Amino acid sequence: MNGAPEPSQTVQRVKVGMIGLAAVVLLIALASAIIGSVTRERPVPGAAQANLVAEIAAGNSVAAAPATGEPLAEMGVAPSTANSQAAAQ
């Protein structure tokens, strides 16, 4: 066992370490690209489109109940104060 390694061995070890580090980084990048392409959501043929459904739902709720400034009453969660006032009179 020598006390100090030769400079050529040190350079070789540094090169091997850098190549190993580069290989690990490339493998991680490749795995990330593969996983990203697999998990990317693809539209299903014949499935409802979210933006179209939202527009239709918003259009129906506005036509069914006039805007009274009571969002809970418009959703049907709580009774409207206009209905309770009309019933009291």
N, C-alpha and C. Protein backbone atom coordinates (compact mmCIF):
# COMPACT_ATOMS: atom_id res chain seq x y z
N MET A 1 0.83 -1.17 0.00
CA MET A 1 0.00 0.00 0.00
C MET A 1 0.88 1.24 0.00
N ASN A 2 0.78 1.97 -1.03
CA ASN A 2 1.54 3.20 -1.15
C ASN A 2 0.81 4.31 -0.43
N GLY A 3 1.56 5.25 0.07
CA GLY A 3 0.98 6.37 0.79
C GLY A 3 0.23 7.32 -0.12
N ALA A 4 0.77 7.63 -1.28
CA ALA A 4 0.15 8.59 -2.19
C ALA A 4 -0.08 7.93 -3.54
N PRO A 5 -1.31 8.00 -4.07
CA PRO A 5 -1.55 7.39 -5.38
C PRO A 5 -0.88 8.21 -6.48
N GLU A 6 -0.61 7.57 -7.57
CA GLU A 6 0.03 8.24 -8.70
C GLU A 6 -0.96 9.22 -9.33
N PRO A 7 -0.47 10.29 -9.91
CA PRO A 7 -1.37 11.27 -10.54
C PRO A 7 -2.20 10.68 -11.67
N SER A 8 -1.67 9.71 -12.38
CA SER A 8 -2.43 9.12 -13.48
C SER A 8 -3.64 8.34 -12.94
N GLN A 9 -3.48 7.70 -11.78
CA GLN A 9 -4.61 6.99 -11.18
C GLN A 9 -5.69 7.96 -10.73
N THR A 10 -5.28 9.07 -10.18
CA THR A 10 -6.24 10.08 -9.73
C THR A 10 -7.03 10.63 -10.91
N VAL A 11 -6.35 10.92 -12.00
CA VAL A 11 -7.02 11.44 -13.19
C VAL A 11 -7.99 10.39 -13.74
N GLN A 12 -7.57 9.14 -13.75
CA GLN A 12 -8.43 8.07 -14.26
C GLN A 12 -9.67 7.92 -13.37
N ARG A 13 -9.52 7.99 -12.08
CA ARG A 13 -10.66 7.87 -11.17
C ARG A 13 -11.65 9.03 -11.35
N VAL A 14 -11.10 10.24 -11.56
CA VAL A 14 -11.96 11.39 -11.78
C VAL A 14 -12.74 11.22 -13.08
N LYS A 15 -12.08 10.74 -14.13
CA LYS A 15 -12.76 10.52 -15.41
C LYS A 15 -13.87 9.48 -15.27
N VAL A 16 -13.57 8.38 -14.59
CA VAL A 16 -14.58 7.33 -14.40
C VAL A 16 -15.75 7.86 -13.59
N GLY A 17 -15.47 8.65 -12.57
CA GLY A 17 -16.54 9.23 -11.77
C GLY A 17 -17.42 10.18 -12.56
N MET A 18 -16.80 11.01 -13.41
CA MET A 18 -17.57 11.94 -14.23
C MET A 18 -18.41 11.21 -15.27
N ILE A 19 -17.86 10.16 -15.87
CA ILE A 19 -18.62 9.37 -16.85
C ILE A 19 -19.79 8.69 -16.15
N GLY A 20 -19.56 8.17 -14.96
CA GLY A 20 -20.65 7.54 -14.20
C GLY A 20 -21.74 8.53 -13.85
N LEU A 21 -21.35 9.73 -13.43
CA LEU A 21 -22.32 10.77 -13.11
C LEU A 21 -23.12 11.18 -14.34
N ALA A 22 -22.45 11.32 -15.48
CA ALA A 22 -23.15 11.66 -16.72
C ALA A 22 -24.12 10.55 -17.13
N ALA A 23 -23.73 9.29 -16.94
CA ALA A 23 -24.61 8.17 -17.28
C ALA A 23 -25.86 8.18 -16.40
N VAL A 24 -25.71 8.46 -15.13
CA VAL A 24 -26.86 8.51 -14.22
C VAL A 24 -27.80 9.64 -14.61
N VAL A 25 -27.25 10.81 -14.94
CA VAL A 25 -28.08 11.95 -15.35
C VAL A 25 -28.84 11.61 -16.63
N LEU A 26 -28.18 10.98 -17.59
CA LEU A 26 -28.85 10.59 -18.83
C LEU A 26 -29.95 9.57 -18.58
N LEU A 27 -29.71 8.61 -17.69
CA LEU A 27 -30.74 7.62 -17.38
C LEU A 27 -31.95 8.27 -16.72
N ILE A 28 -31.72 9.21 -15.83
CA ILE A 28 -32.83 9.91 -15.18
C ILE A 28 -33.62 10.73 -16.20
N ALA A 29 -32.93 11.40 -17.11
CA ALA A 29 -33.61 12.18 -18.15
C ALA A 29 -34.43 11.28 -19.06
N LEU A 30 -33.89 10.14 -19.43
CA LEU A 30 -34.60 9.20 -20.28
C LEU A 30 -35.83 8.64 -19.56
N ALA A 31 -35.68 8.27 -18.30
CA ALA A 31 -36.82 7.76 -17.54
C ALA A 31 -37.90 8.83 -17.37
N SER A 32 -37.50 10.06 -17.15
CA SER A 32 -38.45 11.15 -17.01
C SER A 32 -39.22 11.37 -18.31
N ALA A 33 -38.54 11.31 -19.43
CA ALA A 33 -39.20 11.49 -20.73
C ALA A 33 -40.19 10.36 -21.00
N ILE A 34 -39.81 9.14 -20.67
CA ILE A 34 -40.71 8.00 -20.90
C ILE A 34 -41.92 8.09 -20.00
N ILE A 35 -41.71 8.37 -18.72
CA ILE A 35 -42.83 8.46 -17.79
C ILE A 35 -43.74 9.64 -18.15
N GLY A 36 -43.15 10.75 -18.58
CA GLY A 36 -43.95 11.91 -18.98
C GLY A 36 -44.82 11.63 -20.19
N SER A 37 -44.31 10.87 -21.15
CA SER A 37 -45.10 10.57 -22.35
C SER A 37 -46.19 9.54 -22.04
N VAL A 38 -45.94 8.66 -21.10
CA VAL A 38 -46.94 7.64 -20.76
C VAL A 38 -48.09 8.26 -19.96
N THR A 39 -47.77 9.17 -19.04
CA THR A 39 -48.80 9.72 -18.17
C THR A 39 -49.53 10.90 -18.79
N ARG A 40 -49.10 11.35 -19.96
CA ARG A 40 -49.79 12.46 -20.62
C ARG A 40 -51.21 12.02 -20.96
N GLU A 41 -52.16 12.85 -20.58
CA GLU A 41 -53.56 12.50 -20.75
C GLU A 41 -53.96 12.68 -22.21
N ARG A 42 -54.54 11.64 -22.76
CA ARG A 42 -55.01 11.69 -24.14
C ARG A 42 -56.53 11.75 -24.14
N PRO A 43 -57.13 12.53 -25.05
CA PRO A 43 -58.59 12.59 -25.09
C PRO A 43 -59.18 11.27 -25.54
N VAL A 44 -60.26 10.87 -24.89
CA VAL A 44 -60.95 9.63 -25.23
C VAL A 44 -61.98 9.96 -26.30
N PRO A 45 -62.01 9.22 -27.40
CA PRO A 45 -63.00 9.50 -28.43
C PRO A 45 -64.42 9.30 -27.89
N GLY A 46 -65.28 10.26 -28.15
CA GLY A 46 -66.66 10.16 -27.70
C GLY A 46 -66.90 10.67 -26.29
N ALA A 47 -65.85 11.09 -25.60
CA ALA A 47 -66.00 11.58 -24.23
C ALA A 47 -66.44 13.04 -24.25
N ALA A 48 -67.09 13.47 -23.18
CA ALA A 48 -67.56 14.85 -23.08
C ALA A 48 -66.38 15.79 -22.92
N GLN A 49 -66.47 16.93 -23.56
CA GLN A 49 -65.42 17.94 -23.43
C GLN A 49 -65.76 18.82 -22.24
N ALA A 50 -64.79 19.03 -21.36
CA ALA A 50 -65.03 19.74 -20.10
C ALA A 50 -65.50 21.17 -20.33
N ASN A 51 -64.90 21.88 -21.27
CA ASN A 51 -65.30 23.28 -21.49
C ASN A 51 -66.71 23.37 -22.06
N LEU A 52 -67.09 22.43 -22.91
CA LEU A 52 -68.44 22.44 -23.47
C LEU A 52 -69.47 22.12 -22.39
N VAL A 53 -69.17 21.17 -21.55
CA VAL A 53 -70.08 20.81 -20.46
C VAL A 53 -70.25 21.99 -19.50
N ALA A 54 -69.17 22.71 -19.21
CA ALA A 54 -69.23 23.85 -18.30
C ALA A 54 -70.08 24.97 -18.90
N GLU A 55 -69.95 25.21 -20.20
CA GLU A 55 -70.75 26.24 -20.85
C GLU A 55 -72.23 25.88 -20.84
N ILE A 56 -72.54 24.63 -21.10
CA ILE A 56 -73.93 24.20 -21.11
C ILE A 56 -74.53 24.31 -19.71
N ALA A 57 -73.76 23.87 -18.71
CA ALA A 57 -74.25 23.93 -17.33
C ALA A 57 -74.45 25.38 -16.89
N ALA A 58 -73.54 26.25 -17.26
CA ALA A 58 -73.68 27.66 -16.88
C ALA A 58 -74.87 28.29 -17.60
N GLY A 59 -75.09 27.92 -18.84
CA GLY A 59 -76.23 28.46 -19.59
C GLY A 59 -77.55 28.00 -19.02
N ASN A 60 -77.64 26.75 -18.60
CA ASN A 60 -78.89 26.23 -18.05
C ASN A 60 -79.21 26.82 -16.69
N SER A 61 -78.20 27.03 -15.86
CA SER A 61 -78.47 27.56 -14.52
C SER A 61 -78.90 29.01 -14.59
N VAL A 62 -78.37 29.77 -15.55
CA VAL A 62 -78.76 31.17 -15.69
C VAL A 62 -80.19 31.26 -16.22
N ALA A 63 -80.56 30.38 -17.14
CA ALA A 63 -81.90 30.42 -17.71
C ALA A 63 -82.94 29.93 -16.70
N ALA A 64 -82.57 29.00 -15.85
CA ALA A 64 -83.53 28.42 -14.91
C ALA A 64 -83.83 29.35 -13.75
N ALA A 65 -82.83 30.04 -13.24
CA ALA A 65 -83.03 30.91 -12.09
C ALA A 65 -82.42 32.26 -12.36
N PRO A 66 -83.19 33.33 -12.24
CA PRO A 66 -82.62 34.66 -12.47
C PRO A 66 -81.61 34.99 -11.38
N ALA A 67 -80.62 35.79 -11.74
CA ALA A 67 -79.58 36.16 -10.79
C ALA A 67 -80.16 37.09 -9.74
N THR A 68 -80.17 36.65 -8.49
CA THR A 68 -80.73 37.44 -7.40
C THR A 68 -79.64 37.93 -6.46
N GLY A 69 -78.40 37.57 -6.71
CA GLY A 69 -77.32 37.95 -5.81
C GLY A 69 -77.19 36.98 -4.65
N GLU A 70 -77.89 35.87 -4.72
CA GLU A 70 -77.81 34.84 -3.69
C GLU A 70 -77.28 33.56 -4.33
N PRO A 71 -75.98 33.36 -4.28
CA PRO A 71 -75.41 32.20 -4.97
C PRO A 71 -75.89 30.86 -4.42
N LEU A 72 -76.13 30.77 -3.11
CA LEU A 72 -76.60 29.51 -2.54
C LEU A 72 -78.02 29.20 -3.01
N ALA A 73 -78.85 30.22 -3.12
CA ALA A 73 -80.21 30.02 -3.60
C ALA A 73 -80.20 29.64 -5.08
N GLU A 74 -79.29 30.22 -5.85
CA GLU A 74 -79.20 29.89 -7.27
C GLU A 74 -78.78 28.45 -7.48
N MET A 75 -77.93 27.92 -6.58
CA MET A 75 -77.51 26.53 -6.69
C MET A 75 -78.56 25.58 -6.12
N GLY A 76 -79.52 26.11 -5.41
CA GLY A 76 -80.54 25.25 -4.83
C GLY A 76 -80.15 24.68 -3.48
N VAL A 77 -79.14 25.26 -2.84
CA VAL A 77 -78.67 24.76 -1.56
C VAL A 77 -79.48 25.36 -0.42
N ALA A 78 -79.82 26.65 -0.54
CA ALA A 78 -80.56 27.33 0.52
C ALA A 78 -81.78 27.99 -0.11
N PRO A 79 -82.84 28.18 0.67
CA PRO A 79 -84.02 28.84 0.11
C PRO A 79 -83.75 30.30 -0.17
N SER A 80 -84.40 30.81 -1.17
CA SER A 80 -84.23 32.21 -1.55
C SER A 80 -85.05 33.09 -0.62
N THR A 81 -84.52 34.27 -0.29
CA THR A 81 -85.27 35.19 0.55
C THR A 81 -86.44 35.78 -0.20
N ALA A 82 -86.35 35.85 -1.53
CA ALA A 82 -87.47 36.35 -2.33
C ALA A 82 -88.65 35.40 -2.23
N ASN A 83 -88.42 34.11 -2.22
CA ASN A 83 -89.50 33.13 -2.09
C ASN A 83 -90.14 33.20 -0.71
N SER A 84 -89.32 33.37 0.32
CA SER A 84 -89.86 33.40 1.67
C SER A 84 -90.62 34.69 1.93
N GLN A 85 -90.21 35.80 1.33
CA GLN A 85 -90.93 37.06 1.48
C GLN A 85 -92.26 37.02 0.74
N ALA A 86 -92.30 36.39 -0.43
CA ALA A 86 -93.54 36.28 -1.19
C ALA A 86 -94.53 35.38 -0.46
N ALA A 87 -94.07 34.34 0.18
CA ALA A 87 -94.95 33.43 0.90
C ALA A 87 -95.51 34.10 2.16
N ALA A 88 -94.72 34.99 2.78
CA ALA A 88 -95.17 35.66 4.00
C ALA A 88 -96.25 36.70 3.70
N GLN A 89 -96.24 37.26 2.49
CA GLN A 89 -97.22 38.29 2.15
C GLN A 89 -98.43 37.62 1.63
